[in-house]
Amino acid sequence: MKSEIPYNPLDKNNLGASVADALLERDKIALENIEQFIGAGIYAIYYVGDRQPYQLLGVNEIPIYVGKAVPPGARKGNFGLNTDPGQTLYRRLKEHTESIRQASNLDIKNFQCRYLVVDDIWIPLGEALLIAKFSPIWNKVVDGFGNHDPGKGRYQQFRSRWDTLHPGRSWAHKCRERGETAEQIEKEIVAYLETI
C-alpha cells in the first residue's frame, strides 16, 4: 500500500516557497523608477532587452539576478531581528541601478525588477529558494554583480566575471585582470542558457 506524506504548511521549504511566490506575484517595475520605501527583503532583477545572449531571459520570465537586503546586524549573526531596517532594500536596488548605469555595454532601460519587503527571518530562505528555482545567470555564472568596492589593500584580488563582461565600475579597474576574457565568459553563458 502506498503511503502519502502529509503536507506540512509550516515546513521550512513550504514557508520559503510562500515568500518566493509572493514576490513572483508582484508586478515588475523599471529598475530605474523605484521610489523610496522602508524595509528589508528580497528581489529579482530581469533583463528585457535584446542584447545577446541575455535576450531569451526576458521572453522566458527568468530573472538575471536574485538577491536580498537584510537589516543592519544580520550579517553579524543576529539576523537583524527586531531591528529597524530603514531603507535597506531600496538602497540595495539603487546600488544595482548604479552598477548597471556604469557598465559600458548595458542600458538601465532594459532592466526591471520585483521586490518584496519581508519579515527578517524569511529573507535568506526566500532568496535561497528563488536562486534554486531560477539559477539566475548573474548568481551562478557571472559572479560579482553585487560586489562593493573592496577598498585599498584588496585590489590585488581578481576582477569579477561581471566586471570583466560589463566593464565600467571605476573601482573594478583597480583589481587584477582575470585570465579569462569577456568572450569566454559569454560563451559560458550561451552554454548555460541551453541547459535551463
C-alpha atoms as a PDB file:
ATOM      1  CA  MET A   1       0.000   0.000   0.000  1.00  0.00           C
ATOM      2  CA  LYS A   2       1.284   3.446  -0.956  1.00  0.00           C
ATOM      3  CA  SER A   3       1.981   5.855   1.878  1.00  0.00           C
ATOM      4  CA  GLU A   4       1.286   9.569   1.307  1.00  0.00           C
ATOM      5  CA  ILE A   5       3.451  12.149   3.048  1.00  0.00           C
ATOM      6  CA  PRO A   6       1.217  14.672   4.809  1.00  0.00           C
ATOM      7  CA  TYR A   7       1.577  18.273   3.710  1.00  0.00           C
ATOM      8  CA  ASN A   8       3.049  20.458   6.427  1.00  0.00           C
ATOM      9  CA  PRO A   9       2.375  24.165   5.799  1.00  0.00           C
ATOM     10  CA  LEU A  10       4.962  25.033   8.452  1.00  0.00           C
ATOM     11  CA  ASP A  11       7.778  23.053   6.826  1.00  0.00           C
ATOM     12  CA  LYS A  12      10.639  25.489   6.118  1.00  0.00           C
ATOM     13  CA  ASN A  13      10.557  24.743   2.375  1.00  0.00           C
ATOM     14  CA  ASN A  14       6.823  25.457   2.205  1.00  0.00           C
ATOM     15  CA  LEU A  15       7.235  28.658   4.201  1.00  0.00           C
ATOM     16  CA  GLY A  16      10.109  29.772   1.987  1.00  0.00           C
ATOM     17  CA  ALA A  17       8.115  28.909  -1.129  1.00  0.00           C
ATOM     18  CA  SER A  18       5.264  31.129   0.066  1.00  0.00           C
ATOM     19  CA  VAL A  19       7.706  34.060   0.355  1.00  0.00           C
ATOM     20  CA  ALA A  20       9.130  33.358  -3.126  1.00  0.00           C
ATOM     21  CA  ASP A  21       5.635  33.032  -4.606  1.00  0.00           C
ATOM     22  CA  ALA A  22       4.563  36.325  -3.024  1.00  0.00           C
ATOM     23  CA  LEU A  23       7.492  38.056  -4.749  1.00  0.00           C
ATOM     24  CA  LEU A  24       6.657  36.495  -8.126  1.00  0.00           C
ATOM     25  CA  GLU A  25       3.032  37.669  -7.868  1.00  0.00           C
ATOM     26  CA  ARG A  26       4.135  41.305  -7.739  1.00  0.00           C
ATOM     27  CA  ASP A  27       4.200  43.433 -10.876  1.00  0.00           C
ATOM     28  CA  LYS A  28       7.576  44.132 -12.447  1.00  0.00           C
ATOM     29  CA  ILE A  29       8.686  47.764 -12.468  1.00  0.00           C
ATOM     30  CA  ALA A  30      11.510  49.566 -14.232  1.00  0.00           C
ATOM     31  CA  LEU A  31      14.623  49.294 -12.058  1.00  0.00           C
ATOM     32  CA  GLU A  32      15.437  52.978 -12.621  1.00  0.00           C
ATOM     33  CA  ASN A  33      11.956  54.069 -11.440  1.00  0.00           C
ATOM     34  CA  ILE A  34      11.918  52.603  -7.941  1.00  0.00           C
ATOM     35  CA  GLU A  35      10.727  55.136  -5.392  1.00  0.00           C
ATOM     36  CA  GLN A  36      11.956  55.307  -1.805  1.00  0.00           C
ATOM     37  CA  PHE A  37      10.451  52.895   0.682  1.00  0.00           C
ATOM     38  CA  ILE A  38      11.287  51.412   4.061  1.00  0.00           C
ATOM     39  CA  GLY A  39      12.035  47.756   4.629  1.00  0.00           C
ATOM     40  CA  ALA A  40      14.327  44.814   4.040  1.00  0.00           C
ATOM     41  CA  GLY A  41      13.572  41.832   1.837  1.00  0.00           C
ATOM     42  CA  ILE A  42      14.171  40.003  -1.418  1.00  0.00           C
ATOM     43  CA  TYR A  43      14.184  40.982  -5.070  1.00  0.00           C
ATOM     44  CA  ALA A  44      14.553  39.661  -8.602  1.00  0.00           C
ATOM     45  CA  ILE A  45      16.053  41.680 -11.458  1.00  0.00           C
ATOM     46  CA  TYR A  46      15.002  40.963 -15.041  1.00  0.00           C
ATOM     47  CA  TYR A  47      16.656  41.770 -18.348  1.00  0.00           C
ATOM     48  CA  VAL A  48      14.145  42.736 -21.062  1.00  0.00           C
ATOM     49  CA  GLY A  49      16.447  43.959 -23.846  1.00  0.00           C
ATOM     50  CA  ASP A  50      17.788  42.239 -26.940  1.00  0.00           C
ATOM     51  CA  ARG A  51      21.495  42.001 -26.091  1.00  0.00           C
ATOM     52  CA  GLN A  52      22.990  38.604 -26.859  1.00  0.00           C
ATOM     53  CA  PRO A  53      22.951  36.228 -25.051  1.00  0.00           C
ATOM     54  CA  TYR A  54      20.547  37.640 -22.450  1.00  0.00           C
ATOM     55  CA  GLN A  55      17.545  38.301 -24.702  1.00  0.00           C
ATOM     56  CA  LEU A  56      15.927  34.900 -24.019  1.00  0.00           C
ATOM     57  CA  LEU A  57      15.674  35.683 -20.307  1.00  0.00           C
ATOM     58  CA  GLY A  58      13.007  38.356 -20.845  1.00  0.00           C
ATOM     59  CA  VAL A  59      10.991  36.108 -23.137  1.00  0.00           C
ATOM     60  CA  ASN A  60      11.019  33.292 -20.585  1.00  0.00           C
ATOM     61  CA  GLU A  61      10.462  35.450 -17.463  1.00  0.00           C
ATOM     62  CA  ILE A  62      13.714  34.252 -15.909  1.00  0.00           C
ATOM     63  CA  PRO A  63      15.463  36.706 -13.577  1.00  0.00           C
ATOM     64  CA  ILE A  64      19.031  37.608 -14.428  1.00  0.00           C
ATOM     65  CA  TYR A  65      19.781  38.134 -10.723  1.00  0.00           C
ATOM     66  CA  VAL A  66      18.136  37.388  -7.378  1.00  0.00           C
ATOM     67  CA  GLY A  67      19.214  38.981  -4.132  1.00  0.00           C
ATOM     68  CA  LYS A  68      18.376  40.032  -0.636  1.00  0.00           C
ATOM     69  CA  ALA A  69      18.839  43.055   1.571  1.00  0.00           C
ATOM     70  CA  VAL A  70      18.908  42.238   5.256  1.00  0.00           C
ATOM     71  CA  PRO A  71      18.500  44.629   8.182  1.00  0.00           C
ATOM     72  CA  PRO A  72      21.585  46.067   9.880  1.00  0.00           C
ATOM     73  CA  GLY A  73      23.187  43.490  12.170  1.00  0.00           C
ATOM     74  CA  ALA A  74      22.019  40.484  10.193  1.00  0.00           C
ATOM     75  CA  ARG A  75      25.474  39.889   8.724  1.00  0.00           C
ATOM     76  CA  LYS A  76      26.879  39.601  12.261  1.00  0.00           C
ATOM     77  CA  GLY A  77      24.748  36.586  13.095  1.00  0.00           C
ATOM     78  CA  ASN A  78      21.688  38.062  14.756  1.00  0.00           C
ATOM     79  CA  PHE A  79      19.566  38.213  11.586  1.00  0.00           C
ATOM     80  CA  GLY A  80      18.570  41.790  12.337  1.00  0.00           C
ATOM     81  CA  LEU A  81      15.675  40.547  14.435  1.00  0.00           C
ATOM     82  CA  ASN A  82      13.556  43.412  15.679  1.00  0.00           C
ATOM     83  CA  THR A  83      15.966  45.884  14.091  1.00  0.00           C
ATOM     84  CA  ASP A  84      14.664  48.879  12.190  1.00  0.00           C
ATOM     85  CA  PRO A  85      15.540  48.005   8.579  1.00  0.00           C
ATOM     86  CA  GLY A  86      15.449  51.596   7.364  1.00  0.00           C
ATOM     87  CA  GLN A  87      15.695  51.748   3.566  1.00  0.00           C
ATOM     88  CA  THR A  88      17.935  48.673   3.307  1.00  0.00           C
ATOM     89  CA  LEU A  89      16.157  47.090   0.330  1.00  0.00           C
ATOM     90  CA  TYR A  90      15.668  50.371  -1.519  1.00  0.00           C
ATOM     91  CA  ARG A  91      19.363  51.254  -1.113  1.00  0.00           C
ATOM     92  CA  ARG A  92      20.445  47.843  -2.393  1.00  0.00           C
ATOM     93  CA  LEU A  93      18.314  48.212  -5.514  1.00  0.00           C
ATOM     94  CA  LYS A  94      19.750  51.700  -6.083  1.00  0.00           C
ATOM     95  CA  GLU A  95      23.287  50.282  -5.821  1.00  0.00           C
ATOM     96  CA  HIS A  96      22.405  47.768  -8.523  1.00  0.00           C
ATOM     97  CA  THR A  97      20.922  50.534 -10.661  1.00  0.00           C
ATOM     98  CA  GLU A  98      24.205  52.447 -10.442  1.00  0.00           C
ATOM     99  CA  SER A  99      26.279  49.357 -11.282  1.00  0.00           C
ATOM    100  CA  ILE A 100      24.233  48.818 -14.443  1.00  0.00           C
ATOM    101  CA  ARG A 101      24.426  52.501 -15.371  1.00  0.00           C
ATOM    102  CA  GLN A 102      28.210  52.431 -15.044  1.00  0.00           C
ATOM    103  CA  ALA A 103      28.583  49.360 -17.281  1.00  0.00           C
ATOM    104  CA  SER A 104      29.677  50.408 -20.749  1.00  0.00           C
ATOM    105  CA  ASN A 105      27.604  47.766 -22.537  1.00  0.00           C
ATOM    106  CA  LEU A 106      24.321  47.719 -20.584  1.00  0.00           C
ATOM    107  CA  ASP A 107      21.339  50.080 -20.668  1.00  0.00           C
ATOM    108  CA  ILE A 108      19.359  50.610 -17.462  1.00  0.00           C
ATOM    109  CA  LYS A 109      16.172  50.925 -19.527  1.00  0.00           C
ATOM    110  CA  ASN A 110      16.445  47.177 -20.228  1.00  0.00           C
ATOM    111  CA  PHE A 111      16.101  46.178 -16.581  1.00  0.00           C
ATOM    112  CA  GLN A 112      13.025  45.604 -14.452  1.00  0.00           C
ATOM    113  CA  CYS A 113      12.568  44.179 -11.007  1.00  0.00           C
ATOM    114  CA  ARG A 114      10.202  42.740  -8.494  1.00  0.00           C
ATOM    115  CA  TYR A 115      10.827  43.299  -4.805  1.00  0.00           C
ATOM    116  CA  LEU A 116       9.118  42.258  -1.612  1.00  0.00           C
ATOM    117  CA  VAL A 117       9.533  43.607   1.895  1.00  0.00           C
ATOM    118  CA  VAL A 118       9.790  40.511   4.072  1.00  0.00           C
ATOM    119  CA  ASP A 119       9.882  39.764   7.784  1.00  0.00           C
ATOM    120  CA  ASP A 120      13.552  39.423   8.816  1.00  0.00           C
ATOM    121  CA  ILE A 121      13.709  35.697   9.424  1.00  0.00           C
ATOM    122  CA  TRP A 122      12.333  34.689   5.995  1.00  0.00           C
ATOM    123  CA  ILE A 123      14.682  36.783   3.859  1.00  0.00           C
ATOM    124  CA  PRO A 124      17.566  34.265   3.487  1.00  0.00           C
ATOM    125  CA  LEU A 125      15.217  31.338   2.864  1.00  0.00           C
ATOM    126  CA  GLY A 126      13.181  33.217   0.259  1.00  0.00           C
ATOM    127  CA  GLU A 127      16.343  34.256  -1.596  1.00  0.00           C
ATOM    128  CA  ALA A 128      17.804  30.739  -1.489  1.00  0.00           C
ATOM    129  CA  LEU A 129      14.637  29.165  -2.923  1.00  0.00           C
ATOM    130  CA  LEU A 130      14.427  31.729  -5.743  1.00  0.00           C
ATOM    131  CA  ILE A 131      18.053  31.112  -6.690  1.00  0.00           C
ATOM    132  CA  ALA A 132      17.458  27.349  -6.609  1.00  0.00           C
ATOM    133  CA  LYS A 133      14.318  27.709  -8.739  1.00  0.00           C
ATOM    134  CA  PHE A 134      15.709  30.018 -11.443  1.00  0.00           C
ATOM    135  CA  SER A 135      19.521  29.609 -11.301  1.00  0.00           C
ATOM    136  CA  PRO A 136      19.978  33.254 -12.386  1.00  0.00           C
ATOM    137  CA  ILE A 137      22.995  33.866 -14.620  1.00  0.00           C
ATOM    138  CA  TRP A 138      24.424  36.691 -12.514  1.00  0.00           C
ATOM    139  CA  ASN A 139      24.183  34.490  -9.415  1.00  0.00           C
ATOM    140  CA  LYS A 140      25.501  31.259 -10.939  1.00  0.00           C
ATOM    141  CA  VAL A 141      27.770  32.019 -13.919  1.00  0.00           C
ATOM    142  CA  VAL A 142      28.720  35.703 -13.920  1.00  0.00           C
ATOM    143  CA  ASP A 143      29.599  36.402 -10.297  1.00  0.00           C
ATOM    144  CA  GLY A 144      30.378  39.845  -8.946  1.00  0.00           C
ATOM    145  CA  PHE A 145      27.314  41.956  -9.789  1.00  0.00           C
ATOM    146  CA  GLY A 146      26.537  42.506  -6.119  1.00  0.00           C
ATOM    147  CA  ASN A 147      30.132  43.289  -5.147  1.00  0.00           C
ATOM    148  CA  HIS A 148      31.185  46.518  -3.461  1.00  0.00           C
ATOM    149  CA  ASP A 149      34.482  48.351  -3.761  1.00  0.00           C
ATOM    150  CA  PRO A 150      36.877  46.074  -1.826  1.00  0.00           C
ATOM    151  CA  GLY A 151      38.883  49.080  -0.678  1.00  0.00           C
ATOM    152  CA  LYS A 152      42.548  49.938  -0.571  1.00  0.00           C
ATOM    153  CA  GLY A 153      44.784  46.971   0.103  1.00  0.00           C
ATOM    154  CA  ARG A 154      42.424  44.465  -1.523  1.00  0.00           C
ATOM    155  CA  TYR A 155      42.810  45.470  -5.142  1.00  0.00           C
ATOM    156  CA  GLN A 156      45.190  42.538  -5.669  1.00  0.00           C
ATOM    157  CA  GLN A 157      42.179  40.256  -5.947  1.00  0.00           C
ATOM    158  CA  PHE A 158      40.935  39.388  -9.422  1.00  0.00           C
ATOM    159  CA  ARG A 159      38.306  41.482 -11.137  1.00  0.00           C
ATOM    160  CA  SER A 160      34.922  39.742 -11.013  1.00  0.00           C
ATOM    161  CA  ARG A 161      33.491  37.940 -14.014  1.00  0.00           C
ATOM    162  CA  TRP A 162      30.663  40.519 -14.074  1.00  0.00           C
ATOM    163  CA  ASP A 163      33.105  43.414 -14.244  1.00  0.00           C
ATOM    164  CA  THR A 164      35.103  41.612 -16.945  1.00  0.00           C
ATOM    165  CA  LEU A 165      31.981  41.136 -19.066  1.00  0.00           C
ATOM    166  CA  HIS A 166      30.402  44.512 -18.218  1.00  0.00           C
ATOM    167  CA  PRO A 167      33.264  46.972 -17.604  1.00  0.00           C
ATOM    168  CA  GLY A 168      32.616  50.409 -16.191  1.00  0.00           C
ATOM    169  CA  ARG A 169      32.710  50.430 -12.381  1.00  0.00           C
ATOM    170  CA  SER A 170      35.747  52.586 -11.618  1.00  0.00           C
ATOM    171  CA  TRP A 171      36.870  50.593  -8.589  1.00  0.00           C
ATOM    172  CA  ALA A 172      36.845  47.312 -10.554  1.00  0.00           C
ATOM    173  CA  HIS A 173      39.563  48.614 -12.875  1.00  0.00           C
ATOM    174  CA  LYS A 174      41.892  48.724  -9.855  1.00  0.00           C
ATOM    175  CA  CYS A 175      41.570  44.953  -9.400  1.00  0.00           C
ATOM    176  CA  ARG A 176      43.812  42.470 -11.198  1.00  0.00           C
ATOM    177  CA  GLU A 177      42.730  41.401 -14.657  1.00  0.00           C
ATOM    178  CA  ARG A 178      41.240  37.922 -14.963  1.00  0.00           C
ATOM    179  CA  GLY A 179      42.821  35.179 -17.019  1.00  0.00           C
ATOM    180  CA  GLU A 180      39.585  34.695 -18.956  1.00  0.00           C
ATOM    181  CA  THR A 181      38.150  37.142 -21.467  1.00  0.00           C
ATOM    182  CA  ALA A 182      34.672  38.605 -21.834  1.00  0.00           C
ATOM    183  CA  GLU A 183      34.238  36.444 -24.954  1.00  0.00           C
ATOM    184  CA  GLN A 184      34.996  33.276 -22.984  1.00  0.00           C
ATOM    185  CA  ILE A 185      32.508  34.241 -20.287  1.00  0.00           C
ATOM    186  CA  GLU A 186      29.853  34.983 -22.899  1.00  0.00           C
ATOM    187  CA  LYS A 187      30.339  31.519 -24.442  1.00  0.00           C
ATOM    188  CA  GLU A 188      29.789  30.036 -20.995  1.00  0.00           C
ATOM    189  CA  ILE A 189      26.550  31.995 -20.670  1.00  0.00           C
ATOM    190  CA  VAL A 190      25.301  30.644 -24.013  1.00  0.00           C
ATOM    191  CA  ALA A 191      26.137  27.078 -22.948  1.00  0.00           C
ATOM    192  CA  TYR A 192      24.473  27.631 -19.562  1.00  0.00           C
ATOM    193  CA  LEU A 193      21.288  29.017 -21.106  1.00  0.00           C
ATOM    194  CA  GLU A 194      20.970  25.887 -23.218  1.00  0.00           C
ATOM    195  CA  THR A 195      20.680  23.832 -20.015  1.00  0.00           C
ATOM    196  CA  ILE A 196      17.897  25.789 -18.310  1.00  0.00           C
END
